Amino acid sequence: MNSVAPQNLVDAKPLEFPIPAGVYAEQVVSVTHYTDNLFAFRITRPQSFRFRSGEFVMIGLPNAEKPVFRAYSIASPAWDEELEFFSIKVPDGPLTQHLQKIQPGDTVLLRQKSTGTLVLDALTPAKRLYMISTGTGIAPFASLLRDPETYEKFEEVILTHTCRDVAELTYGEELARAAAEDPLIGELTDGRFRHYSTTTREEHPRTGRITTLIENRRLFSDLGVAPFDAATDRVMICGSMDMIKDVKTLVEGFGFEEGSNNKPSHFVVERAFVG
């Protein structure tokens, strides 16, 4: 893991292209590279920018007359003074091939409106909230698990994070530790937040696709809880399209109904991807 520390933001590089209308131009505060494929970065937050924890926003770079924008889940909670993002690196991705090279002081473009379905408003109250994620799909949950409102609505929060290799789990592991030590939510998470990580390729104490671990009930036995029950559990799903489809089918098999901002229910999914 390689971190690039913040630098004095007055040293920001001059822009080569005009900023489109309806877009904020924000500066990179820090960058952390976790693997050859994963990195996180934090940018300044516009004073007027508001979002609900779990939402995504369109971001881009000022490197063209018509910048390429992609949807990125905001990984920081709604109360944070900065905006955090967790990204894959796509060598030939229209945006990520350039985004992975950013340094503190660089400019990132941010559209002014956030949206998304992975929000607390889309779920009805219950005892337990499952956040099911693969890869960078953990990002919206990084926001939600650090939001006090999550613990007002649910007694217990369980985050599952599945990746191919152990190193790819590092962001989630750091997140879980930081949440426990956070002065704002540390007490809220004590005994109520649980982090369950698995790998699908490299050896790890827990291996297997999350769909398999749900089907064979190992997820529930490891956690010491009963299988999904629409009377007590709510589920949020974010990650690869195949995983979202399969877990959606599984929870529907348990009698869960999909919710939305307009009609809250038992589970929600997110389909915002970057490239």
Protein backbone atom coordinates (compact mmCIF):
# COMPACT_ATOMS: atom_id res chain seq x y z
CA MET A 1 0.00 0.00 0.00
CA ASN A 2 1.35 3.38 -1.01
CA SER A 3 -0.08 6.65 0.33
CA VAL A 4 0.52 10.13 -1.07
CA ALA A 5 0.27 12.67 1.74
CA PRO A 6 -1.68 15.92 1.44
CA GLN A 7 0.17 18.97 0.26
CA ASN A 8 -0.58 22.67 0.43
CA LEU A 9 -3.56 23.07 -1.86
CA VAL A 10 -2.46 26.52 -2.97
CA ASP A 11 0.02 24.61 -5.14
CA ALA A 12 -2.85 23.24 -7.24
CA LYS A 13 -2.02 22.95 -10.92
CA PRO A 14 -3.63 25.44 -13.34
CA LEU A 15 -6.48 24.07 -15.46
CA GLU A 16 -5.96 23.61 -19.19
CA PHE A 17 -9.67 23.49 -20.07
CA PRO A 18 -12.75 25.46 -18.98
CA ILE A 19 -14.98 24.02 -16.26
CA PRO A 20 -18.39 22.90 -17.61
CA ALA A 21 -21.52 24.53 -16.22
CA GLY A 22 -23.09 22.81 -13.22
CA VAL A 23 -19.76 21.31 -12.14
CA TYR A 24 -17.52 21.89 -9.11
CA ALA A 25 -13.73 21.93 -9.56
CA GLU A 26 -12.27 20.39 -6.38
CA GLN A 27 -8.72 19.61 -5.34
CA VAL A 28 -7.22 16.26 -4.43
CA VAL A 29 -6.24 16.10 -0.76
CA SER A 30 -4.69 12.61 -0.58
CA VAL A 31 -4.29 9.40 -2.60
CA THR A 32 -3.72 5.85 -1.34
CA HIS A 33 -2.83 2.96 -3.68
CA TYR A 34 -3.81 -0.37 -2.13
CA THR A 35 -2.92 -2.76 -4.96
CA ASP A 36 -2.11 -2.58 -8.66
CA ASN A 37 -5.87 -2.49 -9.23
CA LEU A 38 -7.32 -0.47 -6.33
CA PHE A 39 -6.83 3.02 -4.95
CA ALA A 40 -8.68 5.57 -2.81
CA PHE A 41 -8.56 9.34 -2.86
CA ARG A 42 -10.02 12.28 -0.98
CA ILE A 43 -10.95 15.66 -2.43
CA THR A 44 -12.15 18.95 -0.99
CA ARG A 45 -15.90 19.24 -0.51
CA PRO A 46 -17.83 22.23 -1.87
CA GLN A 47 -19.60 24.06 0.94
CA SER A 48 -22.92 23.87 -0.92
CA PHE A 49 -22.65 20.15 -1.82
CA ARG A 50 -25.19 17.98 0.03
CA PHE A 51 -25.74 14.24 -0.22
CA ARG A 52 -27.23 11.33 1.66
CA SER A 53 -24.82 8.66 2.89
CA GLY A 54 -24.78 5.84 0.31
CA GLU A 55 -25.40 8.01 -2.77
CA PHE A 56 -23.16 8.36 -5.82
CA VAL A 57 -22.08 11.35 -7.87
CA MET A 58 -20.60 11.86 -11.33
CA ILE A 59 -16.91 12.78 -11.33
CA GLY A 60 -14.40 13.52 -14.08
CA LEU A 61 -11.11 15.23 -14.85
CA PRO A 62 -10.41 18.59 -16.54
CA ASN A 63 -8.31 16.93 -19.26
CA ALA A 64 -10.53 17.56 -22.30
CA GLU A 65 -12.94 20.07 -23.78
CA LYS A 66 -15.72 17.58 -23.01
CA PRO A 67 -14.61 15.68 -19.86
CA VAL A 68 -15.58 12.04 -19.36
CA PHE A 69 -17.77 11.60 -16.25
CA ARG A 70 -18.46 8.34 -14.43
CA ALA A 71 -20.63 7.44 -11.45
CA TYR A 72 -18.71 7.00 -8.20
CA SER A 73 -20.21 6.11 -4.84
CA ILE A 74 -19.20 8.58 -2.16
CA ALA A 75 -17.29 6.59 0.46
CA SER A 76 -17.26 9.32 3.11
CA PRO A 77 -20.30 9.88 5.35
CA ALA A 78 -22.59 12.87 4.87
CA TRP A 79 -21.00 14.71 7.82
CA ASP A 80 -17.41 14.52 6.50
CA GLU A 81 -15.73 17.77 5.48
CA GLU A 82 -14.02 15.99 2.55
CA LEU A 83 -15.24 13.57 -0.12
CA GLU A 84 -13.68 10.10 -0.33
CA PHE A 85 -13.81 7.67 -3.26
CA PHE A 86 -12.59 4.08 -3.74
CA SER A 87 -11.78 3.07 -7.31
CA ILE A 88 -10.53 0.33 -9.55
CA LYS A 89 -7.78 0.97 -12.08
CA VAL A 90 -8.76 0.19 -15.65
CA PRO A 91 -5.71 0.52 -17.96
CA ASP A 92 -7.81 1.60 -20.95
CA GLY A 93 -10.79 3.02 -19.06
CA PRO A 94 -11.89 6.40 -20.48
CA LEU A 95 -11.67 7.94 -16.99
CA THR A 96 -9.79 5.59 -14.67
CA GLN A 97 -6.70 5.34 -16.90
CA HIS A 98 -6.15 9.00 -16.04
CA LEU A 99 -7.77 9.13 -12.60
CA GLN A 100 -5.37 6.54 -11.16
CA LYS A 101 -2.49 8.97 -11.77
CA ILE A 102 -3.86 11.89 -9.75
CA GLN A 103 -1.73 13.53 -7.05
CA PRO A 104 -2.54 15.88 -4.16
CA GLY A 105 -3.22 19.34 -5.57
CA ASP A 106 -4.71 18.04 -8.83
CA THR A 107 -8.26 18.98 -9.82
CA VAL A 108 -11.22 16.60 -9.93
CA LEU A 109 -14.56 17.64 -11.43
CA LEU A 110 -17.73 16.93 -9.48
CA ARG A 111 -21.27 17.29 -10.78
CA GLN A 112 -23.53 19.14 -8.38
CA LYS A 113 -26.22 16.50 -7.85
CA SER A 114 -25.91 13.15 -6.08
CA THR A 115 -28.39 10.28 -6.31
CA GLY A 116 -28.73 6.56 -5.64
CA THR A 117 -30.83 3.79 -4.13
CA LEU A 118 -28.42 2.59 -1.42
CA VAL A 119 -29.87 4.97 1.15
CA LEU A 120 -31.58 4.41 4.47
CA ASP A 121 -34.75 6.06 3.18
CA ALA A 122 -35.28 3.15 0.78
CA LEU A 123 -35.52 0.58 3.59
CA THR A 124 -38.19 0.02 6.20
CA PRO A 125 -37.01 -0.25 9.84
CA ALA A 126 -35.75 -3.60 11.11
CA LYS A 127 -33.34 -5.13 13.62
CA ARG A 128 -30.37 -5.97 11.39
CA LEU A 129 -28.84 -4.43 8.27
CA TYR A 130 -26.66 -6.49 5.91
CA MET A 131 -24.36 -4.63 3.52
CA ILE A 132 -23.29 -7.16 0.86
CA SER A 133 -20.33 -5.99 -1.25
CA THR A 134 -17.65 -7.17 -3.65
CA GLY A 135 -14.59 -5.17 -4.74
CA THR A 136 -15.12 -1.42 -4.87
CA GLY A 137 -18.81 -2.03 -4.15
CA ILE A 138 -17.84 -1.48 -0.51
CA ALA A 139 -17.65 2.30 -1.14
CA PRO A 140 -21.28 3.30 -0.39
CA PHE A 141 -21.18 1.14 2.73
CA ALA A 142 -18.04 2.95 3.86
CA SER A 143 -20.30 5.99 3.91
CA LEU A 144 -23.29 4.37 5.57
CA LEU A 145 -21.46 2.50 8.32
CA ARG A 146 -19.95 5.80 9.47
CA ASP A 147 -23.30 7.60 9.60
CA PRO A 148 -24.95 7.81 13.05
CA GLU A 149 -28.38 7.58 11.40
CA THR A 150 -27.61 3.99 10.39
CA TYR A 151 -27.36 3.02 14.07
CA GLU A 152 -30.52 4.92 14.90
CA LYS A 153 -32.43 2.79 12.41
CA PHE A 154 -30.78 -0.61 13.01
CA GLU A 155 -29.58 -2.44 16.12
CA GLU A 156 -26.91 -4.38 14.24
CA VAL A 157 -24.95 -3.68 11.04
CA ILE A 158 -23.11 -6.45 9.17
CA LEU A 159 -20.75 -5.60 6.30
CA THR A 160 -19.62 -8.42 4.02
CA HIS A 161 -16.77 -7.76 1.61
CA THR A 162 -15.60 -10.34 -0.93
CA CYS A 163 -12.52 -9.94 -3.16
CA ARG A 164 -10.25 -12.25 -5.10
CA ASP A 165 -7.10 -11.65 -3.04
CA VAL A 166 -6.30 -10.80 0.59
CA ALA A 167 -4.63 -7.46 -0.29
CA GLU A 168 -7.86 -6.27 -1.89
CA LEU A 169 -9.58 -6.53 1.50
CA THR A 170 -7.27 -3.93 3.09
CA TYR A 171 -9.50 -0.92 2.48
CA GLY A 172 -12.40 -2.61 4.28
CA GLU A 173 -10.23 -3.77 7.16
CA GLU A 174 -8.86 -0.26 7.67
CA LEU A 175 -12.38 1.09 7.47
CA ALA A 176 -13.64 -1.26 10.19
CA ARG A 177 -10.78 -0.35 12.52
CA ALA A 178 -11.21 3.37 11.90
CA ALA A 179 -14.95 3.19 12.59
CA ALA A 180 -14.33 1.58 15.97
CA GLU A 181 -11.89 4.35 16.89
CA ASP A 182 -13.89 7.25 15.45
CA PRO A 183 -14.89 9.79 18.13
CA LEU A 184 -18.28 10.39 16.51
CA ILE A 185 -19.46 6.83 15.85
CA GLY A 186 -17.04 4.61 17.80
CA GLU A 187 -19.45 4.12 20.68
CA LEU A 188 -22.33 3.46 18.29
CA THR A 189 -20.44 0.69 16.47
CA ASP A 190 -19.27 -1.04 19.66
CA GLY A 191 -20.87 -4.49 19.66
CA ARG A 192 -23.23 -3.48 16.85
CA PHE A 193 -21.04 -3.38 13.73
CA ARG A 194 -19.48 -6.56 12.32
CA HIS A 195 -17.15 -6.93 9.36
CA TYR A 196 -17.16 -10.24 7.46
CA SER A 197 -14.55 -10.57 4.69
CA THR A 198 -13.93 -13.43 2.26
CA THR A 199 -11.68 -14.20 -0.69
CA THR A 200 -12.42 -16.22 -3.81
CA ARG A 201 -8.90 -16.93 -5.06
CA GLU A 202 -6.17 -16.46 -2.45
CA GLU A 203 -6.14 -18.47 0.80
CA HIS A 204 -7.92 -16.75 3.69
CA PRO A 205 -9.65 -17.88 6.93
CA ARG A 206 -12.92 -17.46 5.03
CA THR A 207 -13.02 -18.35 1.35
CA GLY A 208 -15.87 -18.51 -1.12
CA ARG A 209 -18.26 -16.33 -3.06
CA ILE A 210 -20.78 -14.59 -0.86
CA THR A 211 -23.59 -16.21 -2.84
CA THR A 212 -22.23 -19.65 -1.94
CA LEU A 213 -21.87 -18.69 1.72
CA ILE A 214 -25.48 -17.53 1.78
CA GLU A 215 -26.75 -20.65 0.01
CA ASN A 216 -24.86 -23.10 2.24
CA ARG A 217 -25.74 -20.98 5.32
CA ARG A 218 -22.11 -20.60 6.40
CA LEU A 219 -22.47 -16.81 6.52
CA PHE A 220 -25.16 -17.13 9.15
CA SER A 221 -23.45 -19.87 11.17
CA ASP A 222 -20.18 -17.90 11.22
CA LEU A 223 -22.06 -14.84 12.49
CA GLY A 224 -24.20 -16.82 14.91
CA VAL A 225 -27.47 -15.50 13.50
CA ALA A 226 -30.53 -17.00 11.83
CA PRO A 227 -30.81 -16.96 8.01
CA PHE A 228 -32.37 -13.95 6.28
CA ASP A 229 -35.81 -13.09 7.59
CA ALA A 230 -37.86 -10.25 6.15
CA ALA A 231 -39.33 -9.59 9.59
CA THR A 232 -35.96 -8.72 11.13
CA ASP A 233 -33.38 -8.17 8.35
CA ARG A 234 -32.72 -5.64 5.61
CA VAL A 235 -30.16 -6.02 2.82
CA MET A 236 -28.17 -3.60 0.65
CA ILE A 237 -26.21 -5.02 -2.31
CA CYS A 238 -23.37 -3.41 -4.29
CA GLY A 239 -20.60 -4.87 -6.44
CA SER A 240 -20.28 -6.80 -9.66
CA MET A 241 -23.36 -7.11 -11.85
CA ASP A 242 -23.35 -10.92 -11.55
CA MET A 243 -23.15 -10.78 -7.75
CA ILE A 244 -25.95 -8.21 -7.54
CA LYS A 245 -28.18 -10.35 -9.75
CA ASP A 246 -27.45 -13.56 -7.81
CA VAL A 247 -27.84 -12.09 -4.33
CA LYS A 248 -31.01 -10.30 -5.42
CA THR A 249 -32.42 -13.66 -6.50
CA LEU A 250 -31.35 -15.23 -3.19
CA VAL A 251 -32.95 -12.61 -0.95
CA GLU A 252 -36.12 -12.68 -3.03
CA GLY A 253 -36.16 -16.40 -2.34
CA PHE A 254 -36.29 -15.53 1.36
CA GLY A 255 -39.41 -13.43 0.69
CA PHE A 256 -37.74 -10.04 0.49
CA GLU A 257 -39.14 -7.27 -1.71
CA GLU A 258 -37.00 -4.59 -3.40
CA GLY A 259 -37.37 -1.08 -2.02
CA SER A 260 -36.89 2.39 -3.44
CA ASN A 261 -36.90 6.00 -2.31
CA ASN A 262 -40.59 6.20 -3.15
CA LYS A 263 -41.53 2.81 -1.72
CA PRO A 264 -39.20 1.58 1.08
CA SER A 265 -39.03 -2.17 1.60
CA HIS A 266 -36.67 -5.05 2.49
CA PHE A 267 -33.65 -4.71 0.17
CA VAL A 268 -31.99 -2.37 -2.32
CA VAL A 269 -29.30 -2.69 -5.00
CA GLU A 270 -26.95 -0.26 -6.73
CA ARG A 271 -25.91 -0.41 -10.38
CA ALA A 272 -23.47 2.49 -10.76
CA PHE A 273 -20.17 1.32 -12.27
CA VAL A 274 -17.03 3.06 -13.42
CA GLY A 275 -14.69 2.49 -16.31
